[in-house]
């Protein structure tokens, strides 16, 4: 009884610890981000470093969001406050909702089922979008960008050690290197700050030279093209008078659109895999029972070596079979126990989504028969 109680009780404690830790860390980051940002808006750190190294002035601050304009930078920091508050509130709602769902069904240790709950998934998607906005807004100055990078590294650390023999509940990872949009926004923002100015600088020099006097060759063709169309002329002037903030905003809008599309696909793909497990489960059970009845009728050892059957088997059973030097009777008994476990879950669990999810875990994520036994004990303990 003590063992069952321990298996059940660690889960909400872990959730509550994560809830407090994530909320406090985001609050601390928000306070430091805003206070640091307000103090350092006018400090062009990279420009000073450039001047120290190369002995010449270079206003690198103009390539960040706000284009070196203090009033615009202050507005951007105010936007950051809104998104940071939204992230804190949404994190609390998401984790509390997960905890509520777990308390209803304590036998589901792998809470991907709840991460892919429609409402939680929407909340977490909003957090991802808000995180992308905060990351982009952090490029309002070099120091806020460096501070955000430090927080990303901090979020990537494994600060909650796993308890031996116990499953840890899963939560979404925000503002860390694990998120593809974080890595890409940092990369593209760095390109805007350090690479794009060099390219536009060369283009500006070419543009100015080509429009002077009576150029020849390609310069002449370019001048004629500019003079032939007011639309082309306006476009080229927009490029030469580059507002680097537009590049940052453009990247953000692109990533928000891509994040929404990717999350929609991720959600539909997950439930397609979970609900698609029914056919595999049915094939596994039907084939096993057919082979079992055939073996009993003919007084022969059961034959479960067919690869069509193994293809429909749980991954840990298939792995056991393919290792080699396998006792046929032992393998048949393992399969029999798994079939009985499936029947047990289907009799005890009424919701088709939870039933399919338990079967999905069995066939794809369980590493041994012990995982089945633990889930079975948890179902019995909860439903007494």
Protein backbone atom coordinates (compact mmCIF):
# COMPACT_ATOMS: atom_id res chain seq x y z
CA UNK A 1 0.00 0.00 0.00
CA UNK A 2 2.86 2.40 0.86
CA UNK A 3 4.42 1.74 -2.54
CA UNK A 4 1.16 2.54 -4.34
CA UNK A 5 0.71 5.69 -2.30
CA UNK A 6 4.25 6.80 -3.15
CA UNK A 7 3.72 6.12 -6.84
CA UNK A 8 0.64 8.32 -6.81
CA UNK A 9 1.76 11.10 -4.49
CA UNK A 10 4.99 12.23 -6.19
CA UNK A 11 3.19 13.47 -9.29
CA UNK A 12 1.25 16.48 -7.89
CA UNK A 13 4.23 17.53 -5.74
CA UNK A 14 6.38 17.63 -8.85
CA UNK A 15 3.76 19.67 -10.70
CA UNK A 16 3.42 22.13 -7.82
CA UNK A 17 7.18 22.56 -7.60
CA UNK A 18 7.41 23.26 -11.32
CA UNK A 19 4.50 25.68 -11.10
CA UNK A 20 6.21 27.75 -8.40
CA UNK A 21 9.63 27.56 -10.06
CA UNK A 22 8.46 28.54 -13.55
CA UNK A 23 6.29 31.38 -12.28
CA UNK A 24 8.98 32.84 -10.00
CA UNK A 25 11.69 32.54 -12.66
CA UNK A 26 9.56 34.38 -15.24
CA UNK A 27 8.64 37.09 -12.71
CA UNK A 28 12.31 37.60 -11.79
CA UNK A 29 13.27 37.68 -15.47
CA UNK A 30 10.51 40.22 -16.22
CA UNK A 31 11.55 42.55 -13.41
CA UNK A 32 15.25 42.40 -14.32
CA UNK A 33 14.54 42.66 -18.05
CA UNK A 34 12.44 45.82 -17.67
CA UNK A 35 14.69 47.50 -15.09
CA UNK A 36 17.85 46.63 -17.04
CA UNK A 37 16.25 47.69 -20.30
CA UNK A 38 15.16 51.10 -18.99
CA UNK A 39 18.65 51.86 -17.69
CA UNK A 40 20.57 50.66 -20.73
CA UNK A 41 18.47 51.88 -23.65
CA UNK A 42 20.89 54.67 -24.51
CA UNK A 43 24.03 52.60 -24.00
CA UNK A 44 25.50 51.34 -27.29
CA UNK A 45 27.69 48.61 -25.78
CA UNK A 46 28.63 46.98 -29.09
CA UNK A 47 29.45 50.37 -30.61
CA UNK A 48 31.83 51.10 -27.74
CA UNK A 49 33.46 47.69 -28.09
CA UNK A 50 33.84 48.27 -31.84
CA UNK A 51 35.46 51.65 -31.20
CA UNK A 52 37.85 50.17 -28.63
CA UNK A 53 38.96 47.36 -30.97
CA UNK A 54 39.08 49.18 -34.33
CA UNK A 55 39.57 52.76 -33.18
CA UNK A 56 36.63 54.13 -35.16
CA UNK A 57 33.03 54.99 -34.29
CA UNK A 58 30.24 52.69 -35.47
CA UNK A 59 26.71 53.17 -34.14
CA UNK A 60 25.66 49.51 -34.00
CA UNK A 61 22.63 50.42 -31.86
CA UNK A 62 20.83 51.61 -35.03
CA UNK A 63 20.65 48.00 -36.26
CA UNK A 64 18.61 46.89 -33.23
CA UNK A 65 14.87 47.37 -32.73
CA UNK A 66 14.00 51.04 -32.36
CA UNK A 67 16.81 52.10 -34.73
CA UNK A 68 18.59 54.10 -32.02
CA UNK A 69 15.50 56.25 -31.20
CA UNK A 70 14.89 56.42 -27.46
CA UNK A 71 11.14 57.10 -27.64
CA UNK A 72 10.59 54.12 -29.95
CA UNK A 73 12.73 51.87 -27.74
CA UNK A 74 10.63 52.83 -24.70
CA UNK A 75 7.46 51.81 -26.56
CA UNK A 76 9.02 48.46 -27.43
CA UNK A 77 9.88 47.82 -23.77
CA UNK A 78 6.26 48.56 -22.86
CA UNK A 79 5.19 45.91 -25.37
CA UNK A 80 7.61 43.51 -23.69
CA UNK A 81 5.94 44.13 -20.31
CA UNK A 82 2.58 43.09 -21.75
CA UNK A 83 3.93 39.85 -23.22
CA UNK A 84 5.89 38.97 -20.07
CA UNK A 85 2.78 39.39 -17.89
CA UNK A 86 0.80 37.29 -20.36
CA UNK A 87 3.44 34.52 -20.20
CA UNK A 88 3.36 34.43 -16.38
CA UNK A 89 -0.45 34.24 -16.26
CA UNK A 90 -0.70 31.63 -19.02
CA UNK A 91 1.97 29.45 -17.38
CA UNK A 92 -0.02 29.40 -14.15
CA UNK A 93 -3.26 28.56 -15.97
CA UNK A 94 -1.64 25.79 -18.03
CA UNK A 95 0.06 24.04 -15.11
CA UNK A 96 -2.99 24.32 -12.84
CA UNK A 97 -5.16 22.89 -15.58
CA UNK A 98 -2.71 20.01 -16.07
CA UNK A 99 -2.74 19.32 -12.35
CA UNK A 100 -6.56 19.36 -12.30
CA UNK A 101 -6.71 16.84 -15.14
CA UNK A 102 -4.17 14.59 -13.44
CA UNK A 103 -6.15 14.58 -10.19
CA UNK A 104 -9.12 13.25 -12.19
CA UNK A 105 -7.12 10.40 -13.77
CA UNK A 106 -4.05 9.62 -11.66
CA UNK A 107 -3.16 6.48 -13.60
CA UNK A 108 -1.93 8.49 -16.61
CA UNK A 109 1.73 9.11 -15.78
CA UNK A 110 2.78 10.28 -19.21
CA UNK A 111 0.83 13.51 -19.34
CA UNK A 112 1.32 14.11 -23.04
CA UNK A 113 -2.39 13.31 -23.05
CA UNK A 114 -2.96 16.54 -21.15
CA UNK A 115 -0.35 18.58 -23.00
CA UNK A 116 -2.35 17.76 -26.13
CA UNK A 117 -5.67 18.55 -24.50
CA UNK A 118 -7.23 21.11 -26.86
CA UNK A 119 -7.43 23.97 -24.36
CA UNK A 120 -4.01 23.39 -22.82
CA UNK A 121 -2.49 23.12 -26.26
CA UNK A 122 -4.01 26.49 -27.24
CA UNK A 123 -2.72 28.07 -24.00
CA UNK A 124 0.78 26.65 -24.56
CA UNK A 125 0.74 27.82 -28.17
CA UNK A 126 -0.04 31.35 -26.96
CA UNK A 127 2.91 31.08 -24.54
CA UNK A 128 5.20 30.03 -27.41
CA UNK A 129 4.02 33.01 -29.50
CA UNK A 130 4.43 35.41 -26.55
CA UNK A 131 7.92 33.97 -25.91
CA UNK A 132 8.87 34.60 -29.54
CA UNK A 133 7.63 38.19 -29.16
CA UNK A 134 9.65 38.71 -25.96
CA UNK A 135 12.76 37.27 -27.59
CA UNK A 136 12.37 39.58 -30.60
CA UNK A 137 11.67 42.60 -28.37
CA UNK A 138 14.80 41.81 -26.37
CA UNK A 139 16.80 42.95 -29.41
CA UNK A 140 15.87 46.51 -28.47
CA UNK A 141 19.40 46.83 -27.05
CA UNK A 142 22.54 44.66 -26.77
CA UNK A 143 22.27 44.23 -22.98
CA UNK A 144 18.61 43.10 -23.02
CA UNK A 145 19.47 40.65 -25.81
CA UNK A 146 22.36 39.23 -23.77
CA UNK A 147 20.11 38.97 -20.71
CA UNK A 148 17.48 37.04 -22.71
CA UNK A 149 20.17 34.67 -24.01
CA UNK A 150 21.24 34.05 -20.40
CA UNK A 151 17.65 33.22 -19.43
CA UNK A 152 17.37 30.83 -22.38
CA UNK A 153 20.49 29.00 -21.19
CA UNK A 154 19.06 28.93 -17.65
CA UNK A 155 15.78 27.39 -18.90
CA UNK A 156 17.74 24.70 -20.70
CA UNK A 157 19.27 23.38 -17.47
CA UNK A 158 17.80 20.25 -15.87
CA UNK A 159 17.10 21.67 -12.42
CA UNK A 160 14.57 19.02 -11.38
CA UNK A 161 16.29 15.69 -10.89
CA UNK A 162 14.27 12.63 -11.78
CA UNK A 163 13.17 10.39 -8.95
CA UNK A 164 14.42 6.86 -9.40
CA UNK A 165 11.69 4.43 -10.41
CA UNK A 166 9.05 7.14 -10.72
CA UNK A 167 7.73 8.80 -13.84
CA UNK A 168 8.10 12.57 -14.08
CA UNK A 169 5.17 14.55 -15.49
CA UNK A 170 5.90 16.29 -18.75
CA UNK A 171 5.53 20.02 -19.26
CA UNK A 172 6.14 22.22 -22.28
CA UNK A 173 9.56 23.83 -22.64
CA UNK A 174 9.43 27.57 -23.30
CA UNK A 175 12.21 30.05 -24.09
CA UNK A 176 14.94 27.40 -24.34
CA UNK A 177 17.31 26.02 -26.99
CA UNK A 178 14.92 23.08 -27.39
CA UNK A 179 12.49 25.38 -29.20
CA UNK A 180 13.25 25.70 -32.88
CA UNK A 181 11.82 29.22 -33.13
CA UNK A 182 14.18 30.43 -30.37
CA UNK A 183 17.27 29.21 -32.22
CA UNK A 184 16.10 30.66 -35.54
CA UNK A 185 15.05 34.07 -34.19
CA UNK A 186 18.45 34.46 -32.51
CA UNK A 187 20.24 33.43 -35.70
CA UNK A 188 18.24 35.69 -38.02
CA UNK A 189 18.37 38.65 -35.62
CA UNK A 190 22.15 38.25 -35.42
CA UNK A 191 22.30 38.27 -39.24
CA UNK A 192 20.23 41.50 -39.32
CA UNK A 193 22.56 43.16 -36.82
CA UNK A 194 25.95 42.00 -38.10
CA UNK A 195 25.58 40.89 -41.75
CA UNK A 196 22.72 42.84 -43.36
CA UNK A 197 24.28 46.29 -42.63
CA UNK A 198 27.39 45.26 -44.58
CA UNK A 199 25.31 44.20 -47.58
CA UNK A 200 23.10 47.30 -47.49
CA UNK A 201 26.14 49.51 -46.98
CA UNK A 202 27.70 48.22 -50.19
CA UNK A 203 24.37 48.61 -52.02
CA UNK A 204 24.03 52.20 -50.77
CA UNK A 205 27.50 53.03 -52.11
CA UNK A 206 26.67 51.46 -55.49
CA UNK A 207 23.26 53.22 -55.60
CA UNK A 208 24.75 56.65 -54.89
CA UNK A 209 27.56 56.23 -57.45
CA UNK A 210 25.20 54.91 -60.14
CA UNK A 211 22.91 57.95 -59.87
CA UNK A 212 25.74 60.47 -60.17
CA UNK A 213 26.68 62.01 -63.51
CA UNK A 214 26.74 59.82 -66.64
CA UNK A 215 27.69 56.31 -65.60
CA UNK A 216 28.59 53.51 -68.01
CA UNK A 217 27.98 49.78 -68.21
CA UNK A 218 25.87 48.20 -65.50
CA UNK A 219 25.67 51.49 -63.58
CA UNK A 220 24.01 53.09 -66.60
CA UNK A 221 21.49 50.22 -66.92
CA UNK A 222 20.68 50.58 -63.22
CA UNK A 223 20.20 54.37 -63.53
CA UNK A 224 17.85 53.93 -66.50
CA UNK A 225 15.86 51.28 -64.62
CA UNK A 226 15.45 53.62 -61.62
CA UNK A 227 14.38 56.55 -63.80
CA UNK A 228 11.94 54.46 -65.83
CA UNK A 229 9.65 53.52 -62.94
CA UNK A 230 8.56 55.49 -59.87
CA UNK A 231 7.68 52.22 -58.09
CA UNK A 232 11.20 50.82 -58.58
CA UNK A 233 12.68 54.14 -57.50
CA UNK A 234 10.59 54.14 -54.29
CA UNK A 235 11.59 50.55 -53.57
CA UNK A 236 15.29 51.24 -54.01
CA UNK A 237 15.06 54.34 -51.81
CA UNK A 238 13.32 52.26 -49.13
CA UNK A 239 16.21 49.77 -49.25
CA UNK A 240 18.92 52.41 -49.17
CA UNK A 241 17.22 54.23 -46.26
CA UNK A 242 17.07 50.90 -44.41
CA UNK A 243 14.98 50.80 -41.23
CA UNK A 244 16.42 47.72 -39.54
CA UNK A 245 13.47 47.52 -37.13
CA UNK A 246 11.33 46.45 -40.09
CA UNK A 247 13.56 43.41 -40.60
CA UNK A 248 13.11 42.38 -36.95
CA UNK A 249 9.32 42.86 -37.09
CA UNK A 250 9.17 40.95 -40.38
CA UNK A 251 10.98 37.97 -38.86
CA UNK A 252 8.64 38.00 -35.85
CA UNK A 253 5.49 37.99 -38.01
CA UNK A 254 6.92 35.20 -40.15
CA UNK A 255 7.71 33.06 -37.10
CA UNK A 256 4.32 33.69 -35.48
CA UNK A 257 2.64 32.49 -38.68
CA UNK A 258 4.93 29.44 -38.92
CA UNK A 259 4.49 28.62 -35.22
CA UNK A 260 0.69 28.59 -35.57
CA UNK A 261 0.87 26.34 -38.65
CA UNK A 262 3.41 23.97 -37.05
CA UNK A 263 1.45 23.72 -33.80
CA UNK A 264 -1.76 22.92 -35.68
CA UNK A 265 0.03 20.16 -37.57
CA UNK A 266 1.67 18.87 -34.36
CA UNK A 267 -1.72 18.67 -32.61
CA UNK A 268 -3.47 16.86 -35.46
CA UNK A 269 -0.52 14.49 -36.03
CA UNK A 270 -0.41 13.53 -32.35
CA UNK A 271 -4.08 12.61 -32.14
CA UNK A 272 -3.91 10.86 -35.51
CA UNK A 273 -1.15 8.62 -34.09
CA UNK A 274 -3.04 8.01 -30.85
CA UNK A 275 -6.40 7.25 -32.46
CA UNK A 276 -4.71 5.23 -35.21
CA UNK A 277 -3.47 2.74 -32.61
CA UNK A 278 -6.86 0.96 -32.52
CA UNK A 279 -6.17 -1.04 -35.68
CA UNK A 280 -2.73 -2.08 -34.49
CA UNK A 281 -4.13 -3.21 -31.12
CA UNK A 282 -6.89 -5.17 -32.80
CA UNK A 283 -4.47 -6.90 -35.20
CA UNK A 284 -2.13 -7.77 -32.32
CA UNK A 285 -4.88 -9.30 -30.18
CA UNK A 286 -6.61 -11.16 -33.04
CA UNK A 287 -3.38 -12.70 -34.34
CA UNK A 288 -2.26 -13.77 -30.88
CA UNK A 289 -5.59 -15.41 -30.07
CA UNK A 290 -5.70 -17.15 -33.41
CA UNK A 291 -2.19 -18.56 -32.94
CA UNK A 292 -2.97 -19.55 -29.34
CA UNK A 293 -6.14 -21.44 -30.30
CA UNK A 294 -4.36 -23.10 -33.24
CA UNK A 295 -1.50 -24.23 -30.97
CA UNK A 296 -3.94 -25.67 -28.40
CA UNK A 297 -5.99 -27.47 -31.07
CA UNK A 298 -2.92 -29.03 -32.67
CA UNK A 299 -0.98 -29.59 -29.45
CA UNK A 300 1.98 -27.62 -30.81
CA UNK A 301 4.05 -24.66 -29.56
CA UNK A 302 2.52 -21.30 -30.38
CA UNK A 303 4.18 -19.56 -33.37
CA UNK A 304 4.52 -15.80 -32.97
CA UNK A 305 7.49 -15.28 -35.28
CA UNK A 306 5.59 -13.87 -38.23
CA UNK A 307 6.89 -10.38 -39.09
CA UNK A 308 3.40 -9.06 -39.77
CA UNK A 309 2.60 -9.98 -36.20
CA UNK A 310 5.82 -8.47 -34.85
CA UNK A 311 5.12 -5.28 -36.78
CA UNK A 312 1.89 -4.90 -34.82
CA UNK A 313 3.46 -5.84 -31.46
CA UNK A 314 4.52 -3.42 -28.69
CA UNK A 315 8.06 -2.23 -29.32
CA UNK A 316 9.53 -3.87 -26.19
CA UNK A 317 8.10 -7.29 -27.16
CA UNK A 318 9.45 -6.97 -30.69
CA UNK A 319 12.83 -6.01 -29.31
CA UNK A 320 12.85 -9.08 -27.01
CA UNK A 321 12.07 -11.37 -29.95
CA UNK A 322 14.74 -9.92 -32.24
CA UNK A 323 17.50 -10.14 -29.62
CA UNK A 324 17.86 -13.87 -30.31
CA UNK A 325 18.22 -17.01 -28.14
CA UNK A 326 14.60 -16.58 -27.10
CA UNK A 327 12.54 -19.23 -25.34
CA UNK A 328 9.37 -19.58 -27.43
CA UNK A 329 7.15 -20.44 -24.47
CA UNK A 330 8.44 -17.50 -22.42
CA UNK A 331 7.81 -15.16 -25.33
CA UNK A 332 4.28 -16.53 -25.75
CA UNK A 333 3.58 -15.99 -22.04
CA UNK A 334 4.78 -12.37 -22.26
CA UNK A 335 2.43 -11.80 -25.19
CA UNK A 336 -0.43 -13.41 -23.29
CA UNK A 337 0.15 -11.09 -20.31
CA UNK A 338 0.19 -8.05 -22.58
CA UNK A 339 -3.10 -9.10 -24.21
CA UNK A 340 -4.66 -9.50 -20.76
CA UNK A 341 -3.29 -6.10 -19.76
CA UNK A 342 -4.97 -4.52 -22.83
CA UNK A 343 -8.26 -6.20 -21.93
CA UNK A 344 -7.93 -4.98 -18.34
CA UNK A 345 -7.40 -1.36 -19.44
CA UNK A 346 -10.26 -1.50 -21.93
CA UNK A 347 -12.62 -2.81 -19.25
CA UNK A 348 -11.60 -0.26 -16.63
CA UNK A 349 -11.16 2.86 -18.80
CA UNK A 350 -14.30 4.12 -20.48
CA UNK A 351 -13.08 7.22 -22.33
CA UNK A 352 -11.90 6.21 -25.80
CA UNK A 353 -9.24 8.98 -25.91
CA UNK A 354 -7.64 7.78 -22.65
CA UNK A 355 -7.98 4.13 -23.68
CA UNK A 356 -6.26 4.82 -27.00
CA UNK A 357 -3.57 6.87 -25.26
CA UNK A 358 -2.74 4.05 -22.82
CA UNK A 359 -2.47 1.68 -25.77
CA UNK A 360 -0.34 4.22 -27.63
CA UNK A 361 2.07 4.34 -24.66
CA UNK A 362 2.06 0.54 -24.45
CA UNK A 363 2.96 0.04 -28.10
CA UNK A 364 5.40 2.94 -28.52
CA UNK A 365 6.81 4.16 -25.21
CA UNK A 366 6.78 1.31 -22.67
CA UNK A 367 10.23 -0.21 -22.28
CA UNK A 368 9.30 -3.38 -20.40
CA UNK A 369 6.49 -5.39 -18.83
CA UNK A 370 7.17 -3.48 -15.58
CA UNK A 371 5.68 -0.35 -17.16
CA UNK A 372 2.46 -2.29 -17.77
CA UNK A 373 2.41 -3.54 -14.18
CA UNK A 374 2.90 -0.05 -12.78
CA UNK A 375 0.05 1.38 -14.86
CA UNK A 376 -2.14 -1.54 -13.83
CA UNK A 377 -1.41 -0.92 -10.14
CA UNK A 378 -2.19 2.78 -10.52
CA UNK A 379 -5.54 2.04 -12.22
CA UNK A 380 -6.47 -0.38 -9.43
CA UNK A 381 -5.40 2.09 -6.72
CA UNK A 382 -7.34 5.00 -8.20
CA UNK A 383 -10.51 3.07 -8.96
CA UNK A 384 -10.99 1.28 -5.63
